[in-house]
Amino acid sequence: MTAPTSSVITLHINGEPHTLTVDHRTTLLDALRERLGLTGTKKGCDHGQCGACTVLLDGRRALACLQLAVATEGRAVTTVEGVADGDRLHPVQQAFLELDGYQCGYCTPGQICSALAVLEEHAAGWPSAVTADLRPEAGPPALTDDEIRERMSGNLCRCAAYPAIVRAVARAAQERPGESGTVAA
């Protein structure tokens, strides 16, 4: 007797359940784009190296090209389509728009999802590779340009819009409630 090669799963994407039958080898990226029509998440390298497919999985960033769809059952998936509040852009999206944090726009959905996670990680006090003082009592480090660059380093932009991306993340950080004063140049 051979084991089944597909399963019926329910994915919770952007607050909505989606039940579908998937081959066990189907990535979350392919389920999102090809099965559910959520094409905001991009297929860049398909090897987990560029960040174009970044989504939030239970609030933490994940590379959808490396995540099997069957392994996401019961977990909350947020794609760029689920970031805005109706017609009102999320502050990160608004900052990307106003500060030209995109050029061709291909990497932008992954950049935005990653930036959302960066802001949450920073607010939770998680250090990065460039954080100077790692003592818990030091609190969250200032969200300097170097901190932002390091924290966003898993997302590549082939158009090299990096300076504008850093400015957009910094502006969004300043607009977070209770975050004033944590951004430094």
N, C-alpha and C. Protein backbone atom coordinates (compact mmCIF):
# COMPACT_ATOMS: atom_id res chain seq x y z
N MET A 1 0.85 -1.18 0.00
CA MET A 1 0.00 0.00 0.00
C MET A 1 0.89 1.24 0.00
N THR A 2 0.61 2.17 -0.89
CA THR A 2 1.41 3.39 -0.98
C THR A 2 0.77 4.49 -0.15
N ALA A 3 1.61 5.33 0.37
CA ALA A 3 1.13 6.46 1.18
C ALA A 3 0.51 7.50 0.26
N PRO A 4 -0.49 8.23 0.75
CA PRO A 4 -1.09 9.30 -0.08
C PRO A 4 -0.07 10.40 -0.35
N THR A 5 -0.20 11.02 -1.50
CA THR A 5 0.73 12.10 -1.87
C THR A 5 0.08 13.47 -1.84
N SER A 6 -1.19 13.53 -1.42
CA SER A 6 -1.86 14.82 -1.30
C SER A 6 -2.77 14.79 -0.07
N SER A 7 -3.11 15.98 0.38
CA SER A 7 -3.98 16.12 1.54
C SER A 7 -4.91 17.30 1.35
N VAL A 8 -6.05 17.25 2.02
CA VAL A 8 -6.96 18.38 2.08
C VAL A 8 -6.54 19.18 3.31
N ILE A 9 -6.23 20.44 3.11
CA ILE A 9 -5.78 21.30 4.21
C ILE A 9 -6.59 22.59 4.22
N THR A 10 -6.59 23.24 5.37
CA THR A 10 -7.19 24.56 5.47
C THR A 10 -6.10 25.54 5.86
N LEU A 11 -5.87 26.49 4.98
CA LEU A 11 -4.88 27.54 5.24
C LEU A 11 -5.62 28.78 5.72
N HIS A 12 -5.09 29.42 6.76
CA HIS A 12 -5.69 30.65 7.30
C HIS A 12 -4.84 31.81 6.79
N ILE A 13 -5.33 32.42 5.72
CA ILE A 13 -4.56 33.46 5.04
C ILE A 13 -5.28 34.79 5.15
N ASN A 14 -4.58 35.76 5.70
CA ASN A 14 -5.14 37.11 5.86
C ASN A 14 -6.48 37.08 6.57
N GLY A 15 -6.58 36.20 7.57
CA GLY A 15 -7.77 36.11 8.39
C GLY A 15 -8.91 35.29 7.80
N GLU A 16 -8.70 34.70 6.63
CA GLU A 16 -9.75 33.93 5.97
C GLU A 16 -9.30 32.48 5.79
N PRO A 17 -10.19 31.51 6.08
CA PRO A 17 -9.82 30.11 5.84
C PRO A 17 -9.98 29.75 4.36
N HIS A 18 -9.05 28.95 3.87
CA HIS A 18 -9.08 28.47 2.49
C HIS A 18 -8.80 26.98 2.52
N THR A 19 -9.78 26.16 2.13
CA THR A 19 -9.61 24.72 2.11
C THR A 19 -9.29 24.28 0.69
N LEU A 20 -8.22 23.49 0.54
CA LEU A 20 -7.84 23.01 -0.77
C LEU A 20 -7.07 21.70 -0.65
N THR A 21 -7.04 20.97 -1.72
CA THR A 21 -6.25 19.74 -1.79
C THR A 21 -4.92 20.10 -2.41
N VAL A 22 -3.85 19.72 -1.72
CA VAL A 22 -2.51 20.02 -2.23
C VAL A 22 -1.64 18.78 -2.21
N ASP A 23 -0.78 18.70 -3.19
CA ASP A 23 0.27 17.70 -3.20
C ASP A 23 1.18 18.01 -2.01
N HIS A 24 1.70 17.01 -1.36
CA HIS A 24 2.54 17.24 -0.17
C HIS A 24 3.80 18.04 -0.49
N ARG A 25 4.19 18.09 -1.72
CA ARG A 25 5.40 18.83 -2.11
C ARG A 25 5.11 20.28 -2.48
N THR A 26 3.86 20.70 -2.45
CA THR A 26 3.49 22.07 -2.83
C THR A 26 3.99 23.05 -1.79
N THR A 27 4.70 24.06 -2.25
CA THR A 27 5.17 25.09 -1.32
C THR A 27 4.04 26.05 -1.00
N LEU A 28 4.18 26.74 0.11
CA LEU A 28 3.21 27.78 0.46
C LEU A 28 3.16 28.82 -0.65
N LEU A 29 4.30 29.17 -1.21
CA LEU A 29 4.35 30.15 -2.30
C LEU A 29 3.48 29.71 -3.48
N ASP A 30 3.62 28.47 -3.90
CA ASP A 30 2.84 27.99 -5.03
C ASP A 30 1.35 27.89 -4.68
N ALA A 31 1.03 27.51 -3.46
CA ALA A 31 -0.37 27.46 -3.05
C ALA A 31 -0.98 28.87 -3.07
N LEU A 32 -0.23 29.85 -2.57
CA LEU A 32 -0.72 31.23 -2.55
C LEU A 32 -0.95 31.76 -3.96
N ARG A 33 0.05 31.63 -4.81
CA ARG A 33 0.01 32.22 -6.14
C ARG A 33 -0.86 31.44 -7.11
N GLU A 34 -0.64 30.14 -7.17
CA GLU A 34 -1.27 29.35 -8.23
C GLU A 34 -2.62 28.77 -7.85
N ARG A 35 -2.83 28.52 -6.58
CA ARG A 35 -4.09 27.91 -6.16
C ARG A 35 -5.08 28.93 -5.63
N LEU A 36 -4.56 29.99 -4.97
CA LEU A 36 -5.46 30.96 -4.34
C LEU A 36 -5.47 32.32 -5.04
N GLY A 37 -4.63 32.51 -6.03
CA GLY A 37 -4.62 33.76 -6.79
C GLY A 37 -4.08 34.95 -6.03
N LEU A 38 -3.34 34.70 -4.95
CA LEU A 38 -2.73 35.79 -4.18
C LEU A 38 -1.32 36.01 -4.74
N THR A 39 -1.24 36.83 -5.76
CA THR A 39 0.00 36.98 -6.51
C THR A 39 0.91 38.09 -5.98
N GLY A 40 0.55 38.70 -4.87
CA GLY A 40 1.43 39.72 -4.29
C GLY A 40 2.75 39.12 -3.85
N THR A 41 2.71 37.93 -3.30
CA THR A 41 3.93 37.24 -2.88
C THR A 41 4.63 36.77 -4.14
N LYS A 42 5.88 37.17 -4.31
CA LYS A 42 6.59 36.91 -5.56
C LYS A 42 7.53 35.72 -5.48
N LYS A 43 7.70 35.08 -6.63
CA LYS A 43 8.69 34.01 -6.76
C LYS A 43 9.92 34.64 -7.38
N GLY A 44 10.96 34.77 -6.58
CA GLY A 44 12.20 35.36 -7.06
C GLY A 44 13.18 34.28 -7.44
N CYS A 45 13.89 33.78 -6.44
CA CYS A 45 14.92 32.77 -6.70
C CYS A 45 14.41 31.35 -6.52
N ASP A 46 13.34 31.18 -5.76
CA ASP A 46 12.77 29.86 -5.44
C ASP A 46 13.76 28.99 -4.65
N HIS A 47 14.73 29.64 -3.99
CA HIS A 47 15.73 28.93 -3.19
C HIS A 47 15.91 29.55 -1.80
N GLY A 48 15.07 30.50 -1.43
CA GLY A 48 15.16 31.12 -0.12
C GLY A 48 16.29 32.10 0.04
N GLN A 49 16.79 32.64 -1.06
CA GLN A 49 17.93 33.53 -0.98
C GLN A 49 17.63 35.00 -1.25
N CYS A 50 16.45 35.32 -1.80
CA CYS A 50 16.20 36.71 -2.20
C CYS A 50 15.16 37.44 -1.35
N GLY A 51 14.28 36.72 -0.68
CA GLY A 51 13.28 37.34 0.18
C GLY A 51 12.04 37.85 -0.53
N ALA A 52 11.93 37.70 -1.85
CA ALA A 52 10.76 38.20 -2.57
C ALA A 52 9.48 37.50 -2.12
N CYS A 53 9.60 36.30 -1.59
CA CYS A 53 8.42 35.52 -1.18
C CYS A 53 8.12 35.64 0.31
N THR A 54 8.72 36.60 0.99
CA THR A 54 8.53 36.74 2.44
C THR A 54 7.07 37.01 2.78
N VAL A 55 6.55 36.22 3.71
CA VAL A 55 5.22 36.40 4.27
C VAL A 55 5.38 36.35 5.79
N LEU A 56 4.31 36.62 6.49
CA LEU A 56 4.33 36.48 7.94
C LEU A 56 3.60 35.19 8.29
N LEU A 57 4.24 34.38 9.10
CA LEU A 57 3.68 33.11 9.54
C LEU A 57 3.59 33.19 11.06
N ASP A 58 2.36 33.28 11.56
CA ASP A 58 2.14 33.52 12.99
C ASP A 58 2.90 34.77 13.45
N GLY A 59 2.93 35.79 12.58
CA GLY A 59 3.53 37.07 12.91
C GLY A 59 5.03 37.16 12.71
N ARG A 60 5.66 36.05 12.34
CA ARG A 60 7.11 36.05 12.10
C ARG A 60 7.37 35.84 10.63
N ARG A 61 8.46 36.42 10.13
CA ARG A 61 8.71 36.28 8.71
C ARG A 61 9.11 34.84 8.35
N ALA A 62 8.66 34.47 7.18
CA ALA A 62 8.96 33.15 6.64
C ALA A 62 9.10 33.27 5.14
N LEU A 63 9.94 32.44 4.58
CA LEU A 63 10.13 32.39 3.14
C LEU A 63 9.16 31.36 2.58
N ALA A 64 8.16 31.83 1.87
CA ALA A 64 7.09 30.96 1.39
C ALA A 64 7.59 29.92 0.39
N CYS A 65 8.71 30.18 -0.27
CA CYS A 65 9.24 29.21 -1.24
C CYS A 65 9.87 28.01 -0.55
N LEU A 66 10.21 28.14 0.72
CA LEU A 66 10.82 27.04 1.48
C LEU A 66 9.84 26.36 2.43
N GLN A 67 8.66 26.91 2.56
CA GLN A 67 7.66 26.42 3.51
C GLN A 67 6.66 25.54 2.77
N LEU A 68 6.49 24.31 3.20
CA LEU A 68 5.48 23.45 2.58
C LEU A 68 4.10 23.89 3.03
N ALA A 69 3.17 23.90 2.09
CA ALA A 69 1.80 24.33 2.41
C ALA A 69 1.19 23.46 3.51
N VAL A 70 1.42 22.15 3.45
CA VAL A 70 0.82 21.26 4.46
C VAL A 70 1.34 21.57 5.86
N ALA A 71 2.52 22.14 5.96
CA ALA A 71 3.10 22.47 7.27
C ALA A 71 2.56 23.77 7.84
N THR A 72 1.77 24.49 7.05
CA THR A 72 1.22 25.75 7.54
C THR A 72 -0.22 25.62 8.01
N GLU A 73 -0.77 24.43 7.90
CA GLU A 73 -2.15 24.24 8.33
C GLU A 73 -2.28 24.59 9.81
N GLY A 74 -3.31 25.39 10.11
CA GLY A 74 -3.56 25.82 11.48
C GLY A 74 -2.74 27.02 11.92
N ARG A 75 -1.92 27.55 11.05
CA ARG A 75 -1.10 28.72 11.38
C ARG A 75 -1.64 29.93 10.61
N ALA A 76 -1.40 31.11 11.15
CA ALA A 76 -1.88 32.34 10.52
C ALA A 76 -0.84 32.84 9.51
N VAL A 77 -1.25 32.95 8.26
CA VAL A 77 -0.39 33.45 7.19
C VAL A 77 -0.87 34.85 6.81
N THR A 78 0.04 35.80 6.78
CA THR A 78 -0.28 37.15 6.31
C THR A 78 0.57 37.44 5.10
N THR A 79 -0.09 37.78 4.01
CA THR A 79 0.60 38.18 2.79
C THR A 79 0.44 39.69 2.65
N VAL A 80 1.10 40.26 1.67
CA VAL A 80 1.00 41.71 1.47
C VAL A 80 -0.45 42.13 1.23
N GLU A 81 -1.27 41.23 0.65
CA GLU A 81 -2.68 41.56 0.42
C GLU A 81 -3.44 41.75 1.73
N GLY A 82 -2.94 41.22 2.83
CA GLY A 82 -3.64 41.32 4.11
C GLY A 82 -3.08 42.36 5.05
N VAL A 83 -2.19 43.20 4.58
CA VAL A 83 -1.52 44.18 5.44
C VAL A 83 -2.35 45.45 5.63
N ALA A 84 -2.97 45.93 4.58
CA ALA A 84 -3.75 47.17 4.66
C ALA A 84 -5.02 46.95 5.47
N ASP A 85 -5.59 48.03 5.95
CA ASP A 85 -6.86 48.00 6.66
C ASP A 85 -7.92 48.53 5.70
N GLY A 86 -8.47 47.63 4.90
CA GLY A 86 -9.42 48.06 3.86
C GLY A 86 -8.70 48.90 2.83
N ASP A 87 -9.19 50.12 2.61
CA ASP A 87 -8.57 51.02 1.65
C ASP A 87 -7.44 51.85 2.28
N ARG A 88 -7.25 51.70 3.57
CA ARG A 88 -6.22 52.47 4.28
C ARG A 88 -4.93 51.66 4.35
N LEU A 89 -3.87 52.18 3.73
CA LEU A 89 -2.59 51.49 3.73
C LEU A 89 -2.02 51.41 5.14
N HIS A 90 -1.29 50.35 5.39
CA HIS A 90 -0.54 50.22 6.64
C HIS A 90 0.55 51.30 6.61
N PRO A 91 0.97 51.82 7.76
CA PRO A 91 2.03 52.84 7.77
C PRO A 91 3.31 52.42 7.04
N VAL A 92 3.65 51.14 7.07
CA VAL A 92 4.82 50.68 6.33
C VAL A 92 4.57 50.83 4.82
N GLN A 93 3.40 50.42 4.37
CA GLN A 93 3.07 50.58 2.95
C GLN A 93 3.07 52.05 2.55
N GLN A 94 2.49 52.89 3.38
CA GLN A 94 2.42 54.32 3.09
C GLN A 94 3.81 54.92 3.00
N ALA A 95 4.69 54.52 3.91
CA ALA A 95 6.06 55.04 3.90
C ALA A 95 6.80 54.58 2.64
N PHE A 96 6.62 53.32 2.24
CA PHE A 96 7.25 52.84 1.01
C PHE A 96 6.76 53.66 -0.18
N LEU A 97 5.47 53.96 -0.21
CA LEU A 97 4.89 54.72 -1.31
C LEU A 97 5.43 56.15 -1.33
N GLU A 98 5.38 56.82 -0.19
CA GLU A 98 5.77 58.23 -0.12
C GLU A 98 7.27 58.45 -0.30
N LEU A 99 8.09 57.48 0.13
CA LEU A 99 9.54 57.66 0.08
C LEU A 99 10.20 56.86 -1.05
N ASP A 100 9.39 56.38 -1.98
CA ASP A 100 9.90 55.62 -3.12
C ASP A 100 10.75 54.42 -2.69
N GLY A 101 10.24 53.66 -1.74
CA GLY A 101 10.93 52.47 -1.25
C GLY A 101 10.75 51.30 -2.20
N TYR A 102 10.58 51.57 -3.44
CA TYR A 102 10.41 50.55 -4.47
C TYR A 102 10.86 51.16 -5.78
N GLN A 103 11.18 50.36 -6.73
CA GLN A 103 11.40 50.88 -8.08
C GLN A 103 10.57 50.05 -9.03
N CYS A 104 11.03 48.87 -9.39
CA CYS A 104 10.19 48.05 -10.27
C CYS A 104 9.03 47.46 -9.47
N GLY A 105 9.18 47.35 -8.16
CA GLY A 105 8.11 46.86 -7.29
C GLY A 105 8.09 45.36 -7.08
N TYR A 106 8.95 44.62 -7.76
CA TYR A 106 8.89 43.16 -7.66
C TYR A 106 9.19 42.68 -6.24
N CYS A 107 10.17 43.24 -5.61
CA CYS A 107 10.56 42.80 -4.26
C CYS A 107 9.73 43.45 -3.17
N THR A 108 8.95 44.46 -3.52
CA THR A 108 8.26 45.28 -2.52
C THR A 108 7.35 44.50 -1.59
N PRO A 109 6.54 43.55 -2.05
CA PRO A 109 5.71 42.81 -1.10
C PRO A 109 6.53 42.09 -0.03
N GLY A 110 7.61 41.45 -0.44
CA GLY A 110 8.48 40.78 0.53
C GLY A 110 9.17 41.78 1.45
N GLN A 111 9.58 42.91 0.89
CA GLN A 111 10.22 43.96 1.70
C GLN A 111 9.24 44.46 2.76
N ILE A 112 7.99 44.68 2.37
CA ILE A 112 6.98 45.19 3.31
C ILE A 112 6.70 44.18 4.41
N CYS A 113 6.51 42.92 4.05
CA CYS A 113 6.28 41.90 5.08
C CYS A 113 7.48 41.78 6.01
N SER A 114 8.66 41.85 5.46
CA SER A 114 9.87 41.78 6.28
C SER A 114 9.97 43.00 7.20
N ALA A 115 9.65 44.18 6.67
CA ALA A 115 9.70 45.40 7.48
C ALA A 115 8.72 45.33 8.65
N LEU A 116 7.54 44.75 8.43
CA LEU A 116 6.59 44.59 9.53
C LEU A 116 7.19 43.73 10.63
N ALA A 117 7.85 42.65 10.24
CA ALA A 117 8.48 41.77 11.23
C ALA A 117 9.65 42.47 11.91
N VAL A 118 10.42 43.24 11.15
CA VAL A 118 11.54 43.99 11.73
C VAL A 118 11.04 44.90 12.85
N LEU A 119 9.97 45.62 12.59
CA LEU A 119 9.44 46.54 13.61
C LEU A 119 8.97 45.79 14.85
N GLU A 120 8.35 44.63 14.67
CA GLU A 120 7.91 43.83 15.81
C GLU A 120 9.11 43.26 16.58
N GLU A 121 10.09 42.76 15.86
CA GLU A 121 11.29 42.20 16.49
C GLU A 121 12.02 43.28 17.28
N HIS A 122 12.13 44.46 16.69
CA HIS A 122 12.80 45.57 17.37
C HIS A 122 12.04 45.96 18.62
N ALA A 123 10.73 46.09 18.51
CA ALA A 123 9.91 46.49 19.67
C ALA A 123 10.00 45.45 20.78
N ALA A 124 10.20 44.19 20.42
CA ALA A 124 10.33 43.12 21.42
C ALA A 124 11.72 43.07 22.03
N GLY A 125 12.63 43.91 21.51
CA GLY A 125 13.98 43.97 22.07
C GLY A 125 14.95 42.97 21.48
N TRP A 126 14.60 42.34 20.39
CA TRP A 126 15.51 41.37 19.77
C TRP A 126 16.72 42.10 19.22
N PRO A 127 17.91 41.64 19.52
CA PRO A 127 19.11 42.26 18.96
C PRO A 127 19.35 41.80 17.53
N SER A 128 20.20 42.51 16.83
CA SER A 128 20.64 42.09 15.49
C SER A 128 22.15 41.88 15.56
N ALA A 129 22.74 41.54 14.44
CA ALA A 129 24.19 41.33 14.39
C ALA A 129 24.97 42.61 14.63
N VAL A 130 24.33 43.78 14.47
CA VAL A 130 25.04 45.04 14.68
C VAL A 130 24.66 45.72 16.00
N THR A 131 23.81 45.07 16.80
CA THR A 131 23.43 45.66 18.08
C THR A 131 24.65 45.68 19.00
N ALA A 132 25.00 46.87 19.49
CA ALA A 132 26.20 47.02 20.30
C ALA A 132 26.02 46.48 21.72
N ASP A 133 24.93 46.78 22.37
CA ASP A 133 24.71 46.38 23.76
C ASP A 133 23.65 45.30 23.81
N LEU A 134 24.06 44.08 24.08
CA LEU A 134 23.16 42.94 24.06
C LEU A 134 22.53 42.63 25.41
N ARG A 135 22.86 43.41 26.43
CA ARG A 135 22.28 43.15 27.75
C ARG A 135 20.78 43.42 27.72
N PRO A 136 19.98 42.51 28.29
CA PRO A 136 18.53 42.72 28.29
C PRO A 136 18.11 44.04 28.93
N GLU A 137 18.82 44.46 29.96
CA GLU A 137 18.45 45.71 30.62
C GLU A 137 18.73 46.94 29.76
N ALA A 138 19.48 46.77 28.69
CA ALA A 138 19.75 47.89 27.78
C ALA A 138 18.51 48.25 26.97
N GLY A 139 17.57 47.31 26.87
CA GLY A 139 16.34 47.58 26.11
C GLY A 139 16.61 47.53 24.62
N PRO A 140 15.57 47.84 23.84
CA PRO A 140 15.74 47.81 22.38
C PRO A 140 16.80 48.83 21.95
N PRO A 141 17.64 48.44 21.01
CA PRO A 141 18.64 49.39 20.52
C PRO A 141 17.95 50.47 19.68
N ALA A 142 18.63 51.58 19.52
CA ALA A 142 18.10 52.60 18.61
C ALA A 142 18.00 51.98 17.23
N LEU A 143 16.94 52.28 16.54
CA LEU A 143 16.74 51.71 15.20
C LEU A 143 17.46 52.60 14.19
N THR A 144 18.77 52.47 14.18
CA THR A 144 19.62 53.25 13.27
C THR A 144 19.53 52.69 11.86
N ASP A 145 20.08 53.44 10.92
CA ASP A 145 20.14 52.94 9.54
C ASP A 145 20.88 51.61 9.48
N ASP A 146 21.96 51.48 10.25
CA ASP A 146 22.71 50.21 10.27
C ASP A 146 21.85 49.08 10.81
N GLU A 147 21.08 49.33 11.85
CA GLU A 147 20.18 48.31 12.40
C GLU A 147 19.15 47.90 11.36
N ILE A 148 18.56 48.87 10.69
CA ILE A 148 17.54 48.57 9.68
C ILE A 148 18.15 47.77 8.54
N ARG A 149 19.31 48.20 8.05
CA ARG A 149 19.97 47.48 6.95
C ARG A 149 20.25 46.03 7.34
N GLU A 150 20.77 45.82 8.53
CA GLU A 150 21.09 44.46 8.98
C GLU A 150 19.82 43.63 9.10
N ARG A 151 18.80 44.19 9.69
CA ARG A 151 17.55 43.45 9.91
C ARG A 151 16.81 43.16 8.60
N MET A 152 17.01 43.98 7.59
CA MET A 152 16.35 43.79 6.29
C MET A 152 17.26 43.05 5.29
N SER A 153 18.42 42.61 5.72
CA SER A 153 19.42 42.08 4.80
C SER A 153 19.00 40.80 4.07
N GLY A 154 17.98 40.12 4.52
CA GLY A 154 17.52 38.92 3.82
C GLY A 154 16.65 39.21 2.62
N ASN A 155 16.38 40.49 2.36
CA ASN A 155 15.54 40.88 1.22
C ASN A 155 16.37 41.66 0.22
N LEU A 156 16.50 41.09 -0.96
CA LEU A 156 17.29 41.73 -2.00
C LEU A 156 16.40 42.60 -2.89
N CYS A 157 16.99 43.70 -3.38
CA CYS A 157 16.31 44.59 -4.32
C CYS A 157 17.24 44.75 -5.51
N ARG A 158 16.83 44.19 -6.61
CA ARG A 158 17.69 44.24 -7.80
C ARG A 158 17.79 45.65 -8.39
N CYS A 159 16.85 46.52 -8.04
CA CYS A 159 16.90 47.91 -8.50
C CYS A 159 17.75 48.79 -7.58
N ALA A 160 18.16 48.26 -6.45
CA ALA A 160 19.00 48.96 -5.48
C ALA A 160 18.30 50.16 -4.85
N ALA A 161 17.05 49.99 -4.47
CA ALA A 161 16.30 51.04 -3.79
C ALA A 161 16.57 51.03 -2.28
N TYR A 162 17.68 50.47 -1.88
CA TYR A 162 17.97 50.30 -0.45
C TYR A 162 17.91 51.58 0.38
N PRO A 163 18.48 52.69 -0.06
CA PRO A 163 18.40 53.90 0.77
C PRO A 163 16.95 54.32 1.05
N ALA A 164 16.09 54.23 0.04
CA ALA A 164 14.69 54.60 0.23
C ALA A 164 13.97 53.57 1.11
N ILE A 165 14.33 52.31 1.00
CA ILE A 165 13.73 51.28 1.85
C ILE A 165 14.08 51.54 3.31
N VAL A 166 15.33 51.86 3.57
CA VAL A 166 15.76 52.16 4.95
C VAL A 166 14.99 53.37 5.48
N ARG A 167 14.85 54.41 4.67
CA ARG A 167 14.09 55.59 5.10
C ARG A 167 12.63 55.24 5.38
N ALA A 168 12.05 54.39 4.54
CA ALA A 168 10.65 54.00 4.72
C ALA A 168 10.45 53.21 6.02
N VAL A 169 11.35 52.28 6.31
CA VAL A 169 11.25 51.51 7.55
C VAL A 169 11.43 52.44 8.75
N ALA A 170 12.38 53.36 8.66
CA ALA A 170 12.61 54.31 9.77
C ALA A 170 11.38 55.17 10.00
N ARG A 171 10.76 55.65 8.93
CA ARG A 171 9.56 56.48 9.10
C ARG A 171 8.43 55.66 9.72
N ALA A 172 8.23 54.46 9.25
CA ALA A 172 7.17 53.61 9.81
C ALA A 172 7.43 53.34 11.29
N ALA A 173 8.68 53.18 11.66
CA ALA A 173 9.03 52.96 13.08
C ALA A 173 8.68 54.18 13.91
N GLN A 174 8.90 55.37 13.38
CA GLN A 174 8.58 56.60 14.10
C GLN A 174 7.08 56.75 14.31
N GLU A 175 6.30 56.19 13.42
CA GLU A 175 4.84 56.33 13.52
C GLU A 175 4.19 55.29 14.40
N ARG A 176 4.97 54.32 14.89
CA ARG A 176 4.41 53.31 15.79
C ARG A 176 4.11 53.94 17.14
N PRO A 177 2.98 53.60 17.72
CA PRO A 177 2.66 54.13 19.05
C PRO A 177 3.74 53.72 20.06
N GLY A 178 4.20 54.70 20.82
CA GLY A 178 5.20 54.42 21.86
C GLY A 178 6.59 54.20 21.34
N GLU A 179 6.84 54.46 20.07
CA GLU A 179 8.15 54.20 19.50
C GLU A 179 8.96 55.47 19.26
N SER A 180 8.42 56.62 19.56
CA SER A 180 9.16 57.84 19.28
C SER A 180 10.46 57.84 20.07
N GLY A 181 11.50 58.34 19.45
CA GLY A 181 12.78 58.42 20.12
C GLY A 181 13.64 57.19 19.95
N THR A 182 13.13 56.11 19.31
CA THR A 182 13.94 54.93 19.15
C THR A 182 14.65 54.89 17.81
N VAL A 183 14.39 55.87 16.97
CA VAL A 183 15.02 55.90 15.66
C VAL A 183 16.12 56.94 15.69
N ALA A 184 17.29 56.52 15.28
CA ALA A 184 18.44 57.43 15.24
C ALA A 184 19.14 57.27 13.90
N ALA A 185 19.78 58.34 13.46
CA ALA A 185 20.49 58.27 12.17
C ALA A 185 21.80 57.58 12.32
